[in-house]
Amino acid sequence: MGAALKRIFVRFAWNNISIAELRDLNRHRTGHRFSALTPIGFYTPEEVNHPAQQPLLERHKILIEKLAADGRGAHYYAYLLGEQSPFEHSTHADKFLYEVELRTGMGAHFRYAEHLTAVYREFLKQMPEIAPYVQLGTAEPE
């Protein structure tokens, strides 16, 4: 099955990946990754609920818009780790499955693991025969 996997092209996209997750994605050298880095939202864990959070995020959005208006690209440096952006990834099946095992395993970033698990489940709908050969992790802490 290995030679066939190297020929299968895999492409997927997420509309809400955070800058923190993009840092993890930069560790992968296979395939092509693209994000226009256009903010479409902000991720905070459910446990984080501070009264000053929403006003702060609204002021931050105004700052980003002002920095982006001058066209120099300075707004990219003002992004916070929770800033969300669309993201596309294209690769081959063998590299994708390696990434799934690596980035859903022990110590993986939990949000990245959630995203990859969802893509893997969609992949299995098209290639269910691959399931016995891939060990999906649970992103438990080390």
N, C-alpha and C. Protein backbone atom coordinates (compact mmCIF):
# COMPACT_ATOMS: atom_id res chain seq x y z
N MET A 1 0.81 -1.19 0.00
CA MET A 1 0.00 0.00 0.00
C MET A 1 0.86 1.26 0.00
N GLY A 2 2.11 1.17 0.44
CA GLY A 2 2.98 2.33 0.56
C GLY A 2 3.19 3.09 -0.74
N ALA A 3 3.47 2.37 -1.83
CA ALA A 3 3.72 3.05 -3.10
C ALA A 3 2.47 3.77 -3.59
N ALA A 4 1.32 3.19 -3.39
CA ALA A 4 0.06 3.83 -3.81
C ALA A 4 -0.21 5.10 -3.00
N LEU A 5 0.11 5.06 -1.71
CA LEU A 5 -0.13 6.24 -0.86
C LEU A 5 0.70 7.44 -1.31
N LYS A 6 1.87 7.17 -1.84
CA LYS A 6 2.74 8.27 -2.29
C LYS A 6 2.18 8.98 -3.51
N ARG A 7 1.22 8.36 -4.18
CA ARG A 7 0.64 8.95 -5.39
C ARG A 7 -0.71 9.61 -5.15
N ILE A 8 -1.27 9.44 -3.97
CA ILE A 8 -2.58 10.01 -3.68
C ILE A 8 -2.41 11.43 -3.15
N PHE A 9 -3.02 12.36 -3.82
CA PHE A 9 -2.94 13.77 -3.45
C PHE A 9 -4.02 14.08 -2.41
N VAL A 10 -3.64 14.76 -1.33
CA VAL A 10 -4.58 15.11 -0.26
C VAL A 10 -4.57 16.62 -0.09
N ARG A 11 -5.75 17.20 -0.10
CA ARG A 11 -5.86 18.64 0.10
C ARG A 11 -7.02 18.90 1.06
N PHE A 12 -6.78 19.78 2.05
CA PHE A 12 -7.84 20.12 2.99
C PHE A 12 -7.66 21.56 3.43
N ALA A 13 -8.72 22.11 4.00
CA ALA A 13 -8.69 23.50 4.45
C ALA A 13 -9.47 23.62 5.75
N TRP A 14 -9.02 24.55 6.55
CA TRP A 14 -9.73 24.90 7.80
C TRP A 14 -10.01 26.40 7.74
N ASN A 15 -11.17 26.80 8.18
CA ASN A 15 -11.49 28.22 8.12
C ASN A 15 -11.21 28.95 9.42
N ASN A 16 -10.71 28.26 10.43
CA ASN A 16 -10.56 28.90 11.73
C ASN A 16 -9.34 28.39 12.50
N ILE A 17 -8.20 28.47 11.91
CA ILE A 17 -7.00 28.00 12.60
C ILE A 17 -6.30 29.20 13.25
N SER A 18 -5.87 29.02 14.47
CA SER A 18 -5.25 30.14 15.19
C SER A 18 -3.77 30.26 14.85
N ILE A 19 -3.23 31.43 15.11
CA ILE A 19 -1.81 31.68 14.87
C ILE A 19 -0.96 30.69 15.67
N ALA A 20 -1.40 30.37 16.88
CA ALA A 20 -0.67 29.39 17.70
C ALA A 20 -0.57 28.05 16.99
N GLU A 21 -1.66 27.64 16.32
CA GLU A 21 -1.64 26.38 15.59
C GLU A 21 -0.76 26.47 14.34
N LEU A 22 -0.77 27.63 13.71
CA LEU A 22 0.08 27.82 12.53
C LEU A 22 1.55 27.64 12.87
N ARG A 23 1.92 28.00 14.09
CA ARG A 23 3.32 27.78 14.51
C ARG A 23 3.65 26.31 14.47
N ASP A 24 2.74 25.45 14.95
CA ASP A 24 2.96 24.01 14.89
C ASP A 24 3.06 23.52 13.46
N LEU A 25 2.21 24.07 12.60
CA LEU A 25 2.20 23.63 11.21
C LEU A 25 3.50 23.94 10.51
N ASN A 26 4.20 24.95 10.91
CA ASN A 26 5.47 25.31 10.28
C ASN A 26 6.54 24.25 10.51
N ARG A 27 6.31 23.34 11.43
CA ARG A 27 7.27 22.26 11.67
C ARG A 27 7.22 21.21 10.58
N HIS A 28 6.15 21.22 9.79
CA HIS A 28 6.01 20.23 8.72
C HIS A 28 6.60 20.81 7.43
N ARG A 29 7.47 20.07 6.83
CA ARG A 29 8.14 20.56 5.64
C ARG A 29 7.56 19.95 4.37
N THR A 30 6.63 19.02 4.51
CA THR A 30 6.09 18.36 3.33
C THR A 30 4.84 19.09 2.84
N GLY A 31 4.63 19.04 1.55
CA GLY A 31 3.43 19.62 0.98
C GLY A 31 3.50 21.13 0.91
N HIS A 32 2.35 21.70 0.67
CA HIS A 32 2.23 23.16 0.54
C HIS A 32 1.22 23.66 1.55
N ARG A 33 1.58 24.70 2.28
CA ARG A 33 0.69 25.32 3.26
C ARG A 33 0.45 26.75 2.83
N PHE A 34 -0.80 27.19 2.98
CA PHE A 34 -1.11 28.56 2.62
C PHE A 34 -2.13 29.15 3.59
N SER A 35 -1.85 30.35 4.02
CA SER A 35 -2.81 31.15 4.78
C SER A 35 -2.62 32.60 4.37
N ALA A 36 -3.71 33.26 4.05
CA ALA A 36 -3.64 34.67 3.70
C ALA A 36 -3.46 35.54 4.94
N LEU A 37 -3.54 34.91 6.10
CA LEU A 37 -3.42 35.62 7.39
C LEU A 37 -4.42 36.78 7.50
N THR A 38 -5.62 36.52 7.05
CA THR A 38 -6.69 37.50 7.21
C THR A 38 -7.51 37.11 8.43
N PRO A 39 -7.53 37.94 9.46
CA PRO A 39 -8.22 37.55 10.69
C PRO A 39 -9.73 37.43 10.47
N ILE A 40 -10.28 36.31 10.94
CA ILE A 40 -11.71 36.09 10.82
C ILE A 40 -12.35 35.78 12.17
N GLY A 41 -11.60 35.89 13.20
CA GLY A 41 -12.13 35.59 14.53
C GLY A 41 -11.00 35.46 15.53
N PHE A 42 -11.38 35.13 16.74
CA PHE A 42 -10.40 34.97 17.79
C PHE A 42 -10.78 33.77 18.64
N TYR A 43 -9.80 32.91 18.92
CA TYR A 43 -10.05 31.71 19.72
C TYR A 43 -9.61 31.95 21.15
N THR A 44 -10.50 31.67 22.07
CA THR A 44 -10.14 31.57 23.49
C THR A 44 -10.80 30.32 24.03
N PRO A 45 -10.14 29.60 24.91
CA PRO A 45 -10.75 28.40 25.50
C PRO A 45 -12.02 28.77 26.26
N GLU A 46 -12.93 27.81 26.36
CA GLU A 46 -14.20 28.04 27.06
C GLU A 46 -13.98 28.50 28.50
N GLU A 47 -12.90 28.05 29.12
CA GLU A 47 -12.64 28.39 30.52
C GLU A 47 -12.29 29.87 30.70
N VAL A 48 -11.86 30.51 29.63
CA VAL A 48 -11.45 31.91 29.71
C VAL A 48 -12.68 32.78 29.46
N ASN A 49 -13.09 33.48 30.50
CA ASN A 49 -14.26 34.34 30.39
C ASN A 49 -14.09 35.51 31.34
N HIS A 50 -13.38 36.52 30.89
CA HIS A 50 -13.10 37.70 31.71
C HIS A 50 -13.93 38.86 31.18
N PRO A 51 -14.49 39.70 32.07
CA PRO A 51 -15.33 40.81 31.61
C PRO A 51 -14.61 41.79 30.68
N ALA A 52 -13.31 41.92 30.81
CA ALA A 52 -12.56 42.87 29.97
C ALA A 52 -12.15 42.26 28.63
N GLN A 53 -12.40 40.98 28.44
CA GLN A 53 -11.94 40.30 27.24
C GLN A 53 -12.55 40.88 25.96
N GLN A 54 -13.85 41.00 25.89
CA GLN A 54 -14.49 41.47 24.66
C GLN A 54 -14.10 42.90 24.30
N PRO A 55 -14.11 43.85 25.26
CA PRO A 55 -13.65 45.20 24.90
C PRO A 55 -12.20 45.24 24.43
N LEU A 56 -11.35 44.43 25.04
CA LEU A 56 -9.95 44.36 24.62
C LEU A 56 -9.84 43.84 23.18
N LEU A 57 -10.58 42.80 22.86
CA LEU A 57 -10.54 42.25 21.50
C LEU A 57 -11.10 43.24 20.48
N GLU A 58 -12.09 44.00 20.86
CA GLU A 58 -12.63 45.02 19.95
C GLU A 58 -11.60 46.12 19.68
N ARG A 59 -10.88 46.55 20.71
CA ARG A 59 -9.81 47.55 20.52
C ARG A 59 -8.68 46.98 19.68
N HIS A 60 -8.38 45.71 19.92
CA HIS A 60 -7.32 45.05 19.13
C HIS A 60 -7.71 45.00 17.66
N LYS A 61 -8.96 44.71 17.36
CA LYS A 61 -9.44 44.66 15.98
C LYS A 61 -9.28 46.03 15.31
N ILE A 62 -9.57 47.09 16.02
CA ILE A 62 -9.41 48.45 15.49
C ILE A 62 -7.93 48.73 15.19
N LEU A 63 -7.06 48.31 16.10
CA LEU A 63 -5.62 48.47 15.89
C LEU A 63 -5.18 47.73 14.63
N ILE A 64 -5.60 46.50 14.45
CA ILE A 64 -5.24 45.71 13.27
C ILE A 64 -5.70 46.41 12.00
N GLU A 65 -6.93 46.91 12.01
CA GLU A 65 -7.47 47.59 10.84
C GLU A 65 -6.67 48.86 10.51
N LYS A 66 -6.28 49.61 11.53
CA LYS A 66 -5.48 50.82 11.29
C LYS A 66 -4.11 50.48 10.73
N LEU A 67 -3.48 49.46 11.29
CA LEU A 67 -2.16 49.05 10.80
C LEU A 67 -2.24 48.50 9.38
N ALA A 68 -3.31 47.78 9.07
CA ALA A 68 -3.45 47.21 7.73
C ALA A 68 -3.74 48.27 6.68
N ALA A 69 -4.35 49.37 7.10
CA ALA A 69 -4.76 50.42 6.16
C ALA A 69 -3.57 51.08 5.47
N ASP A 70 -2.41 51.11 6.13
CA ASP A 70 -1.27 51.79 5.50
C ASP A 70 -0.58 50.93 4.43
N GLY A 71 -0.94 49.65 4.36
CA GLY A 71 -0.42 48.79 3.29
C GLY A 71 1.01 48.32 3.45
N ARG A 72 1.60 48.54 4.60
CA ARG A 72 3.01 48.16 4.80
C ARG A 72 3.18 46.77 5.41
N GLY A 73 2.10 46.16 5.86
CA GLY A 73 2.18 44.81 6.43
C GLY A 73 2.50 44.77 7.91
N ALA A 74 2.50 45.93 8.58
CA ALA A 74 2.83 45.95 10.01
C ALA A 74 1.77 45.24 10.85
N HIS A 75 0.55 45.13 10.32
CA HIS A 75 -0.52 44.51 11.09
C HIS A 75 -0.23 43.04 11.42
N TYR A 76 0.55 42.36 10.59
CA TYR A 76 0.88 40.97 10.88
C TYR A 76 1.61 40.83 12.21
N TYR A 77 2.39 41.81 12.57
CA TYR A 77 3.17 41.76 13.81
C TYR A 77 2.31 42.06 15.04
N ALA A 78 1.09 42.53 14.83
CA ALA A 78 0.20 42.83 15.95
C ALA A 78 -0.75 41.68 16.25
N TYR A 79 -0.72 40.62 15.44
CA TYR A 79 -1.62 39.50 15.69
C TYR A 79 -1.29 38.82 17.02
N LEU A 80 -2.32 38.41 17.71
CA LEU A 80 -2.17 37.63 18.93
C LEU A 80 -2.26 36.14 18.58
N LEU A 81 -1.81 35.27 19.47
CA LEU A 81 -1.78 33.84 19.17
C LEU A 81 -3.17 33.25 18.93
N GLY A 82 -4.21 33.86 19.47
CA GLY A 82 -5.57 33.36 19.28
C GLY A 82 -6.24 33.84 18.01
N GLU A 83 -5.60 34.74 17.28
CA GLU A 83 -6.15 35.25 16.03
C GLU A 83 -6.38 34.08 15.07
N GLN A 84 -7.56 34.01 14.46
CA GLN A 84 -7.87 32.89 13.57
C GLN A 84 -7.87 33.34 12.12
N SER A 85 -7.48 32.41 11.26
CA SER A 85 -7.35 32.70 9.83
C SER A 85 -7.68 31.44 9.04
N PRO A 86 -8.13 31.59 7.79
CA PRO A 86 -8.29 30.41 6.93
C PRO A 86 -6.92 29.80 6.61
N PHE A 87 -6.92 28.50 6.34
CA PHE A 87 -5.67 27.79 6.10
C PHE A 87 -5.92 26.65 5.12
N GLU A 88 -5.01 26.47 4.18
CA GLU A 88 -5.07 25.35 3.23
C GLU A 88 -3.79 24.55 3.31
N HIS A 89 -3.92 23.24 3.15
CA HIS A 89 -2.76 22.35 3.18
C HIS A 89 -2.93 21.32 2.07
N SER A 90 -1.89 21.12 1.29
CA SER A 90 -1.91 20.08 0.27
C SER A 90 -0.63 19.25 0.39
N THR A 91 -0.79 17.95 0.24
CA THR A 91 0.34 17.03 0.39
C THR A 91 -0.04 15.70 -0.26
N HIS A 92 0.72 14.66 0.01
CA HIS A 92 0.39 13.32 -0.45
C HIS A 92 -0.03 12.47 0.75
N ALA A 93 -0.76 11.41 0.47
CA ALA A 93 -1.38 10.61 1.54
C ALA A 93 -0.36 10.06 2.54
N ASP A 94 0.79 9.61 2.08
CA ASP A 94 1.76 9.05 3.02
C ASP A 94 2.24 10.11 4.01
N LYS A 95 2.48 11.32 3.53
CA LYS A 95 2.92 12.41 4.41
C LYS A 95 1.77 12.87 5.31
N PHE A 96 0.56 12.90 4.77
CA PHE A 96 -0.61 13.29 5.55
C PHE A 96 -0.83 12.32 6.72
N LEU A 97 -0.75 11.02 6.45
CA LEU A 97 -0.99 10.03 7.50
C LEU A 97 0.10 10.09 8.57
N TYR A 98 1.33 10.35 8.16
CA TYR A 98 2.41 10.54 9.14
C TYR A 98 2.10 11.75 10.03
N GLU A 99 1.64 12.84 9.40
CA GLU A 99 1.29 14.04 10.15
C GLU A 99 0.15 13.76 11.13
N VAL A 100 -0.84 12.99 10.70
CA VAL A 100 -1.96 12.63 11.57
C VAL A 100 -1.46 11.89 12.81
N GLU A 101 -0.62 10.89 12.61
CA GLU A 101 -0.11 10.14 13.75
C GLU A 101 0.75 11.01 14.67
N LEU A 102 1.59 11.85 14.07
CA LEU A 102 2.49 12.69 14.84
C LEU A 102 1.75 13.77 15.61
N ARG A 103 0.82 14.45 14.96
CA ARG A 103 0.17 15.62 15.54
C ARG A 103 -1.16 15.34 16.23
N THR A 104 -1.48 14.07 16.42
CA THR A 104 -2.60 13.73 17.29
C THR A 104 -2.10 12.93 18.49
N GLY A 105 -0.82 12.65 18.51
CA GLY A 105 -0.23 11.82 19.56
C GLY A 105 0.08 12.60 20.83
N MET A 106 0.81 11.96 21.71
CA MET A 106 1.14 12.52 23.01
C MET A 106 1.84 13.87 22.89
N GLY A 107 1.33 14.85 23.60
CA GLY A 107 1.94 16.17 23.65
C GLY A 107 1.55 17.08 22.50
N ALA A 108 0.70 16.63 21.58
CA ALA A 108 0.30 17.48 20.46
C ALA A 108 -0.60 18.60 20.95
N HIS A 109 -0.59 19.71 20.24
CA HIS A 109 -1.48 20.83 20.56
C HIS A 109 -2.93 20.36 20.38
N PHE A 110 -3.75 20.53 21.41
CA PHE A 110 -5.08 19.93 21.40
C PHE A 110 -5.97 20.45 20.27
N ARG A 111 -5.87 21.73 19.92
CA ARG A 111 -6.71 22.26 18.83
C ARG A 111 -6.24 21.72 17.48
N TYR A 112 -4.94 21.66 17.28
CA TYR A 112 -4.40 21.11 16.05
C TYR A 112 -4.82 19.64 15.92
N ALA A 113 -4.77 18.91 17.02
CA ALA A 113 -5.19 17.51 17.02
C ALA A 113 -6.67 17.38 16.66
N GLU A 114 -7.50 18.28 17.17
CA GLU A 114 -8.93 18.27 16.83
C GLU A 114 -9.12 18.46 15.33
N HIS A 115 -8.43 19.45 14.76
CA HIS A 115 -8.54 19.72 13.33
C HIS A 115 -8.09 18.52 12.50
N LEU A 116 -6.94 17.96 12.84
CA LEU A 116 -6.41 16.83 12.06
C LEU A 116 -7.28 15.60 12.21
N THR A 117 -7.84 15.37 13.38
CA THR A 117 -8.72 14.22 13.58
C THR A 117 -9.95 14.33 12.68
N ALA A 118 -10.51 15.52 12.58
CA ALA A 118 -11.67 15.73 11.71
C ALA A 118 -11.32 15.45 10.25
N VAL A 119 -10.16 15.93 9.80
CA VAL A 119 -9.74 15.68 8.41
C VAL A 119 -9.49 14.19 8.20
N TYR A 120 -8.86 13.54 9.15
CA TYR A 120 -8.59 12.11 9.05
C TYR A 120 -9.89 11.32 8.93
N ARG A 121 -10.89 11.68 9.70
CA ARG A 121 -12.19 10.98 9.63
C ARG A 121 -12.81 11.15 8.24
N GLU A 122 -12.67 12.32 7.65
CA GLU A 122 -13.16 12.53 6.28
C GLU A 122 -12.34 11.69 5.29
N PHE A 123 -11.04 11.61 5.51
CA PHE A 123 -10.17 10.79 4.67
C PHE A 123 -10.60 9.32 4.72
N LEU A 124 -10.95 8.85 5.93
CA LEU A 124 -11.37 7.45 6.09
C LEU A 124 -12.67 7.15 5.36
N LYS A 125 -13.52 8.14 5.17
CA LYS A 125 -14.75 7.91 4.42
C LYS A 125 -14.43 7.55 2.97
N GLN A 126 -13.34 8.09 2.47
CA GLN A 126 -12.94 7.81 1.09
C GLN A 126 -12.00 6.62 0.98
N MET A 127 -11.25 6.33 2.05
CA MET A 127 -10.31 5.20 2.04
C MET A 127 -10.41 4.44 3.36
N PRO A 128 -11.52 3.77 3.64
CA PRO A 128 -11.67 3.08 4.93
C PRO A 128 -10.66 1.96 5.15
N GLU A 129 -10.10 1.42 4.08
CA GLU A 129 -9.16 0.31 4.21
C GLU A 129 -7.84 0.72 4.87
N ILE A 130 -7.61 2.02 5.03
CA ILE A 130 -6.36 2.50 5.63
C ILE A 130 -6.40 2.46 7.16
N ALA A 131 -7.59 2.42 7.75
CA ALA A 131 -7.77 2.53 9.20
C ALA A 131 -6.88 1.60 10.04
N PRO A 132 -6.73 0.33 9.68
CA PRO A 132 -5.90 -0.55 10.52
C PRO A 132 -4.42 -0.17 10.56
N TYR A 133 -3.97 0.66 9.62
CA TYR A 133 -2.56 0.98 9.51
C TYR A 133 -2.18 2.32 10.16
N VAL A 134 -3.16 3.07 10.63
CA VAL A 134 -2.90 4.40 11.19
C VAL A 134 -3.34 4.41 12.64
N GLN A 135 -2.45 4.89 13.48
CA GLN A 135 -2.77 4.98 14.91
C GLN A 135 -3.10 6.45 15.26
N LEU A 136 -4.39 6.71 15.38
CA LEU A 136 -4.85 8.04 15.73
C LEU A 136 -4.64 8.26 17.23
N GLY A 137 -4.02 9.37 17.57
CA GLY A 137 -3.74 9.67 18.97
C GLY A 137 -4.88 10.43 19.64
N THR A 138 -4.67 10.76 20.90
CA THR A 138 -5.70 11.49 21.66
C THR A 138 -5.15 12.82 22.18
N ALA A 139 -3.94 13.20 21.77
CA ALA A 139 -3.31 14.47 22.16
C ALA A 139 -3.24 14.65 23.67
N GLU A 140 -3.04 13.54 24.38
CA GLU A 140 -2.92 13.64 25.83
C GLU A 140 -1.61 14.35 26.20
N PRO A 141 -1.61 15.07 27.32
CA PRO A 141 -0.37 15.76 27.72
C PRO A 141 0.75 14.77 28.02
N GLU A 142 1.98 15.25 27.88
CA GLU A 142 3.14 14.39 28.18
C GLU A 142 3.31 14.24 29.67
